[in-house]
N, C-alpha and C. Protein backbone atom coordinates (compact mmCIF):
# COMPACT_ATOMS: atom_id res chain seq x y z
N MET A 1 -77.97 7.67 84.12
CA MET A 1 -77.73 6.59 83.19
C MET A 1 -78.69 5.45 83.48
N CYS A 2 -79.09 4.77 82.41
CA CYS A 2 -79.93 3.59 82.55
C CYS A 2 -79.37 2.49 81.65
N GLN A 3 -80.00 1.34 81.61
CA GLN A 3 -79.47 0.22 80.84
C GLN A 3 -79.38 0.51 79.34
N SER A 4 -80.19 1.39 78.84
CA SER A 4 -80.15 1.69 77.40
C SER A 4 -79.16 2.80 77.05
N THR A 5 -78.52 3.41 78.04
CA THR A 5 -77.54 4.45 77.79
C THR A 5 -76.28 3.85 77.19
N LEU A 6 -75.84 4.42 76.08
CA LEU A 6 -74.61 3.96 75.44
C LEU A 6 -73.43 4.75 75.98
N SER A 7 -72.34 4.06 76.16
CA SER A 7 -71.11 4.69 76.61
C SER A 7 -70.00 4.25 75.68
N PHE A 8 -69.21 5.19 75.20
CA PHE A 8 -68.12 4.82 74.31
C PHE A 8 -66.99 5.82 74.43
N GLN A 9 -65.85 5.43 73.87
CA GLN A 9 -64.68 6.29 73.87
C GLN A 9 -64.04 6.19 72.50
N VAL A 10 -63.55 7.30 71.99
CA VAL A 10 -62.95 7.34 70.67
C VAL A 10 -61.44 7.49 70.82
N TYR A 11 -60.72 6.66 70.09
CA TYR A 11 -59.26 6.72 70.09
C TYR A 11 -58.76 6.96 68.68
N ASP A 12 -57.76 7.78 68.56
CA ASP A 12 -57.13 7.97 67.26
C ASP A 12 -56.20 6.80 66.96
N GLU A 13 -55.48 6.35 67.98
CA GLU A 13 -54.57 5.20 67.85
C GLU A 13 -54.63 4.39 69.14
N PHE A 14 -54.36 3.11 69.01
CA PHE A 14 -54.28 2.23 70.17
C PHE A 14 -52.83 1.81 70.37
N PRO A 15 -52.30 1.95 71.57
CA PRO A 15 -50.95 1.41 71.79
C PRO A 15 -51.00 -0.12 71.76
N GLU A 16 -50.00 -0.73 71.16
CA GLU A 16 -49.97 -2.19 71.05
C GLU A 16 -50.02 -2.87 72.42
N SER A 17 -49.60 -2.17 73.45
CA SER A 17 -49.56 -2.77 74.78
C SER A 17 -50.94 -3.10 75.35
N ILE A 18 -52.01 -2.54 74.79
CA ILE A 18 -53.34 -2.83 75.34
C ILE A 18 -53.90 -4.15 74.83
N PHE A 19 -53.31 -4.70 73.78
CA PHE A 19 -53.84 -5.93 73.19
C PHE A 19 -53.35 -7.16 73.94
N GLU A 20 -54.23 -8.11 74.11
CA GLU A 20 -53.91 -9.37 74.77
C GLU A 20 -53.65 -10.44 73.70
N THR A 21 -53.13 -11.58 74.12
CA THR A 21 -52.80 -12.63 73.17
C THR A 21 -54.02 -13.20 72.47
N PHE A 22 -55.20 -13.03 73.05
CA PHE A 22 -56.41 -13.57 72.44
C PHE A 22 -57.15 -12.54 71.58
N ASP A 23 -56.66 -11.30 71.50
CA ASP A 23 -57.28 -10.30 70.64
C ASP A 23 -56.91 -10.57 69.18
N VAL A 24 -57.85 -10.30 68.31
CA VAL A 24 -57.63 -10.53 66.88
C VAL A 24 -57.62 -9.19 66.16
N PRO A 25 -56.54 -8.88 65.44
CA PRO A 25 -56.49 -7.60 64.73
C PRO A 25 -57.39 -7.63 63.49
N VAL A 26 -57.76 -6.45 63.03
CA VAL A 26 -58.60 -6.35 61.83
C VAL A 26 -57.81 -5.68 60.72
N ASP A 27 -58.21 -5.95 59.49
CA ASP A 27 -57.58 -5.34 58.31
C ASP A 27 -58.42 -4.18 57.77
N ILE A 28 -59.73 -4.30 57.95
CA ILE A 28 -60.65 -3.29 57.42
C ILE A 28 -61.71 -2.99 58.47
N ILE A 29 -62.03 -1.71 58.61
CA ILE A 29 -63.11 -1.27 59.49
C ILE A 29 -64.18 -0.66 58.59
N ILE A 30 -65.40 -1.16 58.72
CA ILE A 30 -66.49 -0.66 57.88
C ILE A 30 -67.53 -0.01 58.77
N THR A 31 -67.84 1.24 58.47
CA THR A 31 -68.88 1.97 59.18
C THR A 31 -70.00 2.28 58.18
N PRO A 32 -71.11 2.82 58.63
CA PRO A 32 -72.17 3.16 57.67
C PRO A 32 -71.73 4.15 56.60
N SER A 33 -70.72 4.96 56.88
CA SER A 33 -70.33 5.99 55.92
C SER A 33 -68.92 5.85 55.35
N ARG A 34 -68.12 4.92 55.87
CA ARG A 34 -66.72 4.83 55.42
C ARG A 34 -66.23 3.39 55.41
N ILE A 35 -65.21 3.17 54.60
CA ILE A 35 -64.43 1.94 54.64
C ILE A 35 -63.00 2.36 54.94
N ILE A 36 -62.46 1.83 56.03
CA ILE A 36 -61.13 2.22 56.48
C ILE A 36 -60.20 1.02 56.38
N ASN A 37 -59.16 1.14 55.56
CA ASN A 37 -58.14 0.10 55.48
C ASN A 37 -57.11 0.38 56.56
N VAL A 38 -56.89 -0.57 57.43
CA VAL A 38 -55.93 -0.41 58.51
C VAL A 38 -54.53 -0.51 57.93
N GLU A 39 -53.75 0.54 58.11
CA GLU A 39 -52.41 0.57 57.50
C GLU A 39 -51.37 -0.15 58.36
N LYS A 40 -51.36 0.14 59.65
CA LYS A 40 -50.36 -0.48 60.53
C LYS A 40 -51.01 -1.68 61.22
N ARG A 41 -50.91 -2.83 60.59
CA ARG A 41 -51.56 -4.03 61.10
C ARG A 41 -50.69 -4.72 62.14
N LEU A 42 -51.35 -5.27 63.12
CA LEU A 42 -50.64 -6.07 64.13
C LEU A 42 -50.42 -7.47 63.58
N ASP A 43 -49.47 -8.19 64.16
CA ASP A 43 -49.23 -9.57 63.75
C ASP A 43 -50.46 -10.41 64.05
N ARG A 44 -50.68 -11.39 63.21
CA ARG A 44 -51.80 -12.31 63.42
C ARG A 44 -51.47 -13.23 64.60
N PRO A 45 -52.42 -13.43 65.48
CA PRO A 45 -52.15 -14.31 66.61
C PRO A 45 -52.18 -15.78 66.20
N THR A 46 -51.55 -16.59 67.01
CA THR A 46 -51.64 -18.04 66.82
C THR A 46 -52.68 -18.56 67.80
N LEU A 47 -53.02 -19.83 67.68
CA LEU A 47 -53.95 -20.41 68.64
C LEU A 47 -53.24 -20.59 69.98
N ASN A 48 -53.86 -20.13 71.02
CA ASN A 48 -53.33 -20.29 72.37
C ASN A 48 -54.03 -21.48 73.01
N TRP A 49 -53.41 -22.63 72.88
CA TRP A 49 -54.04 -23.87 73.31
C TRP A 49 -54.32 -23.90 74.80
N GLU A 50 -53.56 -23.13 75.60
CA GLU A 50 -53.78 -23.16 77.04
C GLU A 50 -55.13 -22.56 77.44
N TYR A 51 -55.74 -21.77 76.55
CA TYR A 51 -57.06 -21.20 76.82
C TYR A 51 -58.20 -22.14 76.43
N LEU A 52 -57.88 -23.23 75.74
CA LEU A 52 -58.91 -24.13 75.22
C LEU A 52 -58.89 -25.45 75.96
N SER A 53 -60.04 -25.85 76.42
CA SER A 53 -60.15 -27.15 77.10
C SER A 53 -60.14 -28.27 76.06
N LYS A 54 -59.79 -29.46 76.49
CA LYS A 54 -59.82 -30.62 75.60
C LYS A 54 -61.22 -30.83 75.05
N ARG A 55 -62.22 -30.62 75.90
CA ARG A 55 -63.62 -30.76 75.46
C ARG A 55 -63.93 -29.81 74.31
N ARG A 56 -63.47 -28.56 74.42
CA ARG A 56 -63.72 -27.56 73.37
C ARG A 56 -63.04 -27.98 72.06
N VAL A 57 -61.79 -28.40 72.16
CA VAL A 57 -61.06 -28.82 70.96
C VAL A 57 -61.73 -30.04 70.33
N ASP A 58 -62.16 -30.98 71.15
CA ASP A 58 -62.82 -32.18 70.64
C ASP A 58 -64.13 -31.87 69.92
N ARG A 59 -64.79 -30.79 70.30
CA ARG A 59 -66.08 -30.43 69.70
C ARG A 59 -65.92 -29.68 68.38
N ILE A 60 -64.71 -29.23 68.06
CA ILE A 60 -64.47 -28.47 66.83
C ILE A 60 -63.43 -29.23 66.01
N PRO A 61 -63.87 -30.05 65.06
CA PRO A 61 -62.95 -30.93 64.33
C PRO A 61 -61.75 -30.24 63.69
N ILE A 62 -61.93 -29.05 63.13
CA ILE A 62 -60.79 -28.38 62.49
C ILE A 62 -59.73 -28.01 63.53
N MET A 63 -60.13 -27.69 64.75
CA MET A 63 -59.15 -27.37 65.79
C MET A 63 -58.36 -28.61 66.17
N GLN A 64 -59.03 -29.74 66.23
CA GLN A 64 -58.33 -30.99 66.53
C GLN A 64 -57.33 -31.30 65.43
N LEU A 65 -57.70 -31.05 64.18
CA LEU A 65 -56.79 -31.27 63.05
C LEU A 65 -55.56 -30.37 63.15
N ILE A 66 -55.77 -29.10 63.47
CA ILE A 66 -54.65 -28.16 63.61
C ILE A 66 -53.75 -28.58 64.76
N LEU A 67 -54.32 -28.96 65.88
CA LEU A 67 -53.54 -29.41 67.03
C LEU A 67 -52.71 -30.64 66.67
N ASP A 68 -53.31 -31.60 65.98
CA ASP A 68 -52.58 -32.80 65.56
C ASP A 68 -51.42 -32.44 64.64
N GLN A 69 -51.63 -31.49 63.73
CA GLN A 69 -50.57 -31.07 62.81
C GLN A 69 -49.44 -30.37 63.55
N GLU A 70 -49.76 -29.57 64.54
CA GLU A 70 -48.73 -28.87 65.30
C GLU A 70 -47.91 -29.83 66.15
N LYS A 71 -48.53 -30.89 66.63
CA LYS A 71 -47.82 -31.87 67.45
C LYS A 71 -46.91 -32.76 66.60
N ALA A 72 -47.22 -32.90 65.30
CA ALA A 72 -46.45 -33.80 64.41
C ALA A 72 -45.09 -33.24 64.08
């Protein structure tokens, strides 16, 4: 193996237990030859504020707006 060697694994299904709170589910998977509509969708995550520093939130105005609305 060298740095240009690709390594991958194919799964038919993923158990929900492998997903973390910061993972984002998808609705559609598009490949060069197919469009796949995901039938069993996971719940949409919410913002996990504990992963975001104040500096990060301050630099993204829409995040500051969302945080202010959640605190109200």
